[in-house]
Amino acid sequence: MVPGPVSGPVNAKTDLASSRGVYANVVNAIVAQEEVVLDFILSVGPEASLVSRVVVSPAHAKRLGELLSRHGVDQSAPILVPNAWNRPPGSA
């Protein structure tokens, strides 16, 4: 059984490197029936590199979209992504 949403604060453990975070100026979403893959990319001039990949359930992706909407983030803005990032993970 999958646990339901937590109603109170969550005590998440992290290491120092993870708590600092990483900067990304491009995000690409690959949507499948069972999961949504979010690739966070740092693009500087002609160079781009994947800095983080997050895999979430479609329900969690929907909640993230709702959260961004509530805080005024325009999800309809065009996102320019290099072609190499438009392929599913593991494809050549």
N, C-alpha and C. Protein backbone atom coordinates (compact mmCIF):
# COMPACT_ATOMS: atom_id res chain seq x y z
N MET A 1 0.84 -1.18 0.00
CA MET A 1 0.00 0.00 0.00
C MET A 1 0.89 1.24 0.00
N VAL A 2 0.55 2.20 -0.82
CA VAL A 2 1.29 3.45 -0.91
C VAL A 2 0.73 4.42 0.13
N PRO A 3 1.61 5.00 0.95
CA PRO A 3 1.10 5.94 1.97
C PRO A 3 0.49 7.17 1.33
N GLY A 4 -0.51 7.72 2.00
CA GLY A 4 -1.18 8.92 1.50
C GLY A 4 -0.40 10.17 1.83
N PRO A 5 -0.96 11.34 1.46
CA PRO A 5 -0.28 12.61 1.72
C PRO A 5 -0.11 12.85 3.23
N VAL A 6 0.95 13.51 3.58
CA VAL A 6 1.22 13.85 4.98
C VAL A 6 0.52 15.17 5.28
N SER A 7 -0.19 15.22 6.40
CA SER A 7 -0.96 16.43 6.70
C SER A 7 -0.16 17.48 7.46
N GLY A 8 0.94 17.10 8.06
CA GLY A 8 1.74 18.05 8.83
C GLY A 8 3.11 18.24 8.21
N PRO A 9 4.00 18.92 8.94
CA PRO A 9 5.35 19.12 8.44
C PRO A 9 6.09 17.79 8.28
N VAL A 10 7.00 17.74 7.32
CA VAL A 10 7.80 16.55 7.07
C VAL A 10 9.23 16.85 7.48
N ASN A 11 9.83 15.95 8.24
CA ASN A 11 11.22 16.11 8.67
C ASN A 11 12.11 15.39 7.65
N ALA A 12 12.53 16.10 6.60
CA ALA A 12 13.34 15.51 5.54
C ALA A 12 14.82 15.65 5.88
N LYS A 13 15.56 14.55 5.77
CA LYS A 13 17.00 14.58 6.03
C LYS A 13 17.72 14.90 4.72
N THR A 14 18.81 15.64 4.82
CA THR A 14 19.59 16.00 3.64
C THR A 14 21.05 16.16 4.03
N ASP A 15 21.92 16.04 3.05
CA ASP A 15 23.33 16.32 3.30
C ASP A 15 23.63 17.76 2.89
N LEU A 16 24.81 18.24 3.23
CA LEU A 16 25.16 19.63 2.97
C LEU A 16 25.12 19.98 1.48
N ALA A 17 25.67 19.11 0.64
CA ALA A 17 25.70 19.39 -0.80
C ALA A 17 24.29 19.51 -1.37
N SER A 18 23.39 18.61 -0.97
CA SER A 18 22.02 18.67 -1.47
C SER A 18 21.28 19.89 -0.97
N SER A 19 21.55 20.29 0.27
CA SER A 19 20.83 21.43 0.84
C SER A 19 21.21 22.74 0.16
N ARG A 20 22.37 22.80 -0.47
CA ARG A 20 22.77 24.02 -1.18
C ARG A 20 22.00 24.19 -2.47
N GLY A 21 21.56 23.09 -3.08
CA GLY A 21 20.80 23.17 -4.32
C GLY A 21 21.70 23.41 -5.52
N VAL A 22 21.09 23.39 -6.70
CA VAL A 22 21.79 23.68 -7.94
C VAL A 22 20.92 24.62 -8.76
N TYR A 23 21.54 25.38 -9.64
CA TYR A 23 20.82 26.34 -10.46
C TYR A 23 20.57 25.72 -11.83
N ALA A 24 19.35 25.89 -12.34
CA ALA A 24 19.00 25.47 -13.69
C ALA A 24 18.17 26.58 -14.32
N ASN A 25 18.41 26.85 -15.60
CA ASN A 25 17.62 27.88 -16.27
C ASN A 25 16.71 27.30 -17.35
N VAL A 26 16.68 25.97 -17.48
CA VAL A 26 15.79 25.29 -18.42
C VAL A 26 15.27 24.03 -17.73
N VAL A 27 14.00 23.73 -17.93
CA VAL A 27 13.46 22.47 -17.45
C VAL A 27 12.67 21.82 -18.58
N ASN A 28 12.84 20.51 -18.71
CA ASN A 28 12.13 19.75 -19.72
C ASN A 28 11.37 18.64 -19.01
N ALA A 29 10.11 18.44 -19.38
CA ALA A 29 9.30 17.38 -18.78
C ALA A 29 9.02 16.30 -19.81
N ILE A 30 9.26 15.07 -19.42
CA ILE A 30 8.91 13.91 -20.23
C ILE A 30 7.79 13.20 -19.48
N VAL A 31 6.62 13.11 -20.11
CA VAL A 31 5.44 12.60 -19.43
C VAL A 31 5.09 11.21 -19.95
N ALA A 32 4.96 10.27 -19.02
CA ALA A 32 4.50 8.93 -19.32
C ALA A 32 3.29 8.65 -18.44
N GLN A 33 2.62 7.56 -18.67
CA GLN A 33 1.42 7.25 -17.90
C GLN A 33 1.74 7.06 -16.41
N GLU A 34 2.88 6.45 -16.11
CA GLU A 34 3.22 6.13 -14.73
C GLU A 34 4.11 7.15 -14.04
N GLU A 35 4.80 8.01 -14.82
CA GLU A 35 5.73 8.94 -14.20
C GLU A 35 5.94 10.17 -15.06
N VAL A 36 6.44 11.22 -14.40
CA VAL A 36 6.83 12.45 -15.07
C VAL A 36 8.30 12.67 -14.72
N VAL A 37 9.14 12.81 -15.76
CA VAL A 37 10.57 13.02 -15.56
C VAL A 37 10.85 14.50 -15.82
N LEU A 38 11.41 15.18 -14.83
CA LEU A 38 11.76 16.58 -14.95
C LEU A 38 13.28 16.69 -15.03
N ASP A 39 13.77 17.12 -16.19
CA ASP A 39 15.21 17.33 -16.38
C ASP A 39 15.50 18.82 -16.20
N PHE A 40 16.34 19.14 -15.22
CA PHE A 40 16.74 20.51 -14.96
C PHE A 40 18.10 20.72 -15.61
N ILE A 41 18.19 21.72 -16.48
CA ILE A 41 19.34 21.91 -17.35
C ILE A 41 19.92 23.30 -17.14
N LEU A 42 21.23 23.40 -17.13
CA LEU A 42 21.91 24.69 -17.12
C LEU A 42 22.43 24.92 -18.52
N SER A 43 21.91 25.96 -19.16
CA SER A 43 22.29 26.30 -20.53
C SER A 43 23.01 27.64 -20.51
N VAL A 44 24.27 27.62 -20.95
CA VAL A 44 25.08 28.83 -21.01
C VAL A 44 25.67 28.90 -22.41
N GLY A 45 25.19 29.86 -23.21
CA GLY A 45 25.63 29.96 -24.60
C GLY A 45 25.30 28.68 -25.34
N PRO A 46 26.23 28.15 -26.12
CA PRO A 46 25.95 26.93 -26.88
C PRO A 46 26.06 25.66 -26.03
N GLU A 47 26.52 25.78 -24.80
CA GLU A 47 26.71 24.62 -23.93
C GLU A 47 25.49 24.41 -23.04
N ALA A 48 25.14 23.15 -22.81
CA ALA A 48 24.05 22.81 -21.89
C ALA A 48 24.42 21.53 -21.17
N SER A 49 24.07 21.45 -19.88
CA SER A 49 24.34 20.23 -19.14
C SER A 49 23.19 19.96 -18.17
N LEU A 50 22.89 18.68 -18.02
CA LEU A 50 21.86 18.24 -17.10
C LEU A 50 22.41 18.38 -15.68
N VAL A 51 21.73 19.15 -14.83
CA VAL A 51 22.21 19.33 -13.46
C VAL A 51 21.41 18.50 -12.47
N SER A 52 20.18 18.11 -12.84
CA SER A 52 19.38 17.28 -11.95
C SER A 52 18.23 16.66 -12.71
N ARG A 53 17.88 15.44 -12.35
CA ARG A 53 16.71 14.76 -12.92
C ARG A 53 15.84 14.32 -11.76
N VAL A 54 14.56 14.69 -11.82
CA VAL A 54 13.61 14.34 -10.77
C VAL A 54 12.48 13.55 -11.42
N VAL A 55 12.15 12.40 -10.84
CA VAL A 55 11.06 11.57 -11.34
C VAL A 55 9.96 11.59 -10.30
N VAL A 56 8.74 11.98 -10.73
CA VAL A 56 7.60 12.05 -9.82
C VAL A 56 6.40 11.36 -10.45
N SER A 57 5.41 11.07 -9.63
CA SER A 57 4.17 10.50 -10.14
C SER A 57 3.37 11.60 -10.84
N PRO A 58 2.47 11.24 -11.75
CA PRO A 58 1.63 12.26 -12.38
C PRO A 58 0.84 13.09 -11.37
N ALA A 59 0.41 12.47 -10.28
CA ALA A 59 -0.34 13.21 -9.25
C ALA A 59 0.53 14.29 -8.60
N HIS A 60 1.80 13.95 -8.32
CA HIS A 60 2.69 14.94 -7.73
C HIS A 60 3.04 16.03 -8.73
N ALA A 61 3.19 15.68 -10.00
CA ALA A 61 3.45 16.69 -11.03
C ALA A 61 2.28 17.66 -11.14
N LYS A 62 1.06 17.12 -11.02
CA LYS A 62 -0.13 17.97 -11.08
C LYS A 62 -0.14 18.94 -9.90
N ARG A 63 0.20 18.44 -8.70
CA ARG A 63 0.26 19.31 -7.53
C ARG A 63 1.31 20.40 -7.69
N LEU A 64 2.45 20.05 -8.28
CA LEU A 64 3.49 21.04 -8.52
C LEU A 64 2.99 22.11 -9.48
N GLY A 65 2.30 21.71 -10.55
CA GLY A 65 1.73 22.68 -11.49
C GLY A 65 0.73 23.60 -10.82
N GLU A 66 -0.11 23.04 -9.95
CA GLU A 66 -1.09 23.85 -9.22
C GLU A 66 -0.40 24.84 -8.28
N LEU A 67 0.65 24.39 -7.62
CA LEU A 67 1.41 25.26 -6.73
C LEU A 67 2.04 26.41 -7.50
N LEU A 68 2.63 26.12 -8.66
CA LEU A 68 3.24 27.17 -9.47
C LEU A 68 2.19 28.16 -9.95
N SER A 69 1.02 27.66 -10.34
CA SER A 69 -0.06 28.54 -10.79
C SER A 69 -0.53 29.47 -9.67
N ARG A 70 -0.67 28.91 -8.48
CA ARG A 70 -1.13 29.72 -7.34
C ARG A 70 -0.17 30.85 -7.03
N HIS A 71 1.10 30.66 -7.36
CA HIS A 71 2.10 31.67 -7.05
C HIS A 71 2.48 32.51 -8.26
N GLY A 72 1.64 32.47 -9.29
CA GLY A 72 1.79 33.38 -10.42
C GLY A 72 2.83 32.99 -11.44
N VAL A 73 3.27 31.73 -11.47
CA VAL A 73 4.22 31.28 -12.48
C VAL A 73 3.44 30.93 -13.74
N ASP A 74 3.79 31.58 -14.86
CA ASP A 74 3.08 31.37 -16.12
C ASP A 74 3.57 30.08 -16.76
N GLN A 75 2.74 29.02 -16.70
CA GLN A 75 3.12 27.73 -17.26
C GLN A 75 2.94 27.67 -18.77
N SER A 76 2.31 28.67 -19.36
CA SER A 76 2.09 28.65 -20.81
C SER A 76 3.23 29.31 -21.57
N ALA A 77 4.20 29.87 -20.86
CA ALA A 77 5.34 30.51 -21.52
C ALA A 77 6.12 29.48 -22.31
N PRO A 78 6.58 29.83 -23.50
CA PRO A 78 7.34 28.86 -24.30
C PRO A 78 8.66 28.50 -23.63
N ILE A 79 9.03 27.25 -23.77
CA ILE A 79 10.29 26.77 -23.22
C ILE A 79 11.12 26.25 -24.38
N LEU A 80 12.30 26.80 -24.55
CA LEU A 80 13.20 26.37 -25.62
C LEU A 80 14.19 25.38 -25.05
N VAL A 81 14.20 24.19 -25.62
CA VAL A 81 15.04 23.12 -25.11
C VAL A 81 15.83 22.52 -26.26
N PRO A 82 17.13 22.27 -26.09
CA PRO A 82 17.89 21.60 -27.14
C PRO A 82 17.28 20.24 -27.49
N ASN A 83 17.34 19.85 -28.77
CA ASN A 83 16.73 18.59 -29.22
C ASN A 83 17.20 17.38 -28.44
N ALA A 84 18.44 17.36 -28.01
CA ALA A 84 18.98 16.21 -27.28
C ALA A 84 18.20 15.94 -26.00
N TRP A 85 17.59 16.96 -25.42
CA TRP A 85 16.87 16.78 -24.16
C TRP A 85 15.45 16.33 -24.37
N ASN A 86 14.97 16.26 -25.61
CA ASN A 86 13.59 15.87 -25.87
C ASN A 86 13.40 14.38 -25.99
N ARG A 87 14.46 13.60 -25.82
CA ARG A 87 14.37 12.15 -25.92
C ARG A 87 14.16 11.57 -24.52
N PRO A 88 13.41 10.46 -24.43
CA PRO A 88 13.22 9.81 -23.13
C PRO A 88 14.55 9.34 -22.55
N PRO A 89 14.65 9.23 -21.23
CA PRO A 89 15.88 8.75 -20.60
C PRO A 89 16.28 7.38 -21.15
N GLY A 90 17.57 7.21 -21.40
CA GLY A 90 18.07 5.92 -21.87
C GLY A 90 18.03 5.74 -23.37
N SER A 91 17.39 6.66 -24.11
CA SER A 91 17.35 6.53 -25.57
C SER A 91 18.60 7.17 -26.16
N ALA A 92 18.98 6.68 -27.31
CA ALA A 92 20.21 7.21 -27.95
C ALA A 92 19.89 8.28 -28.95
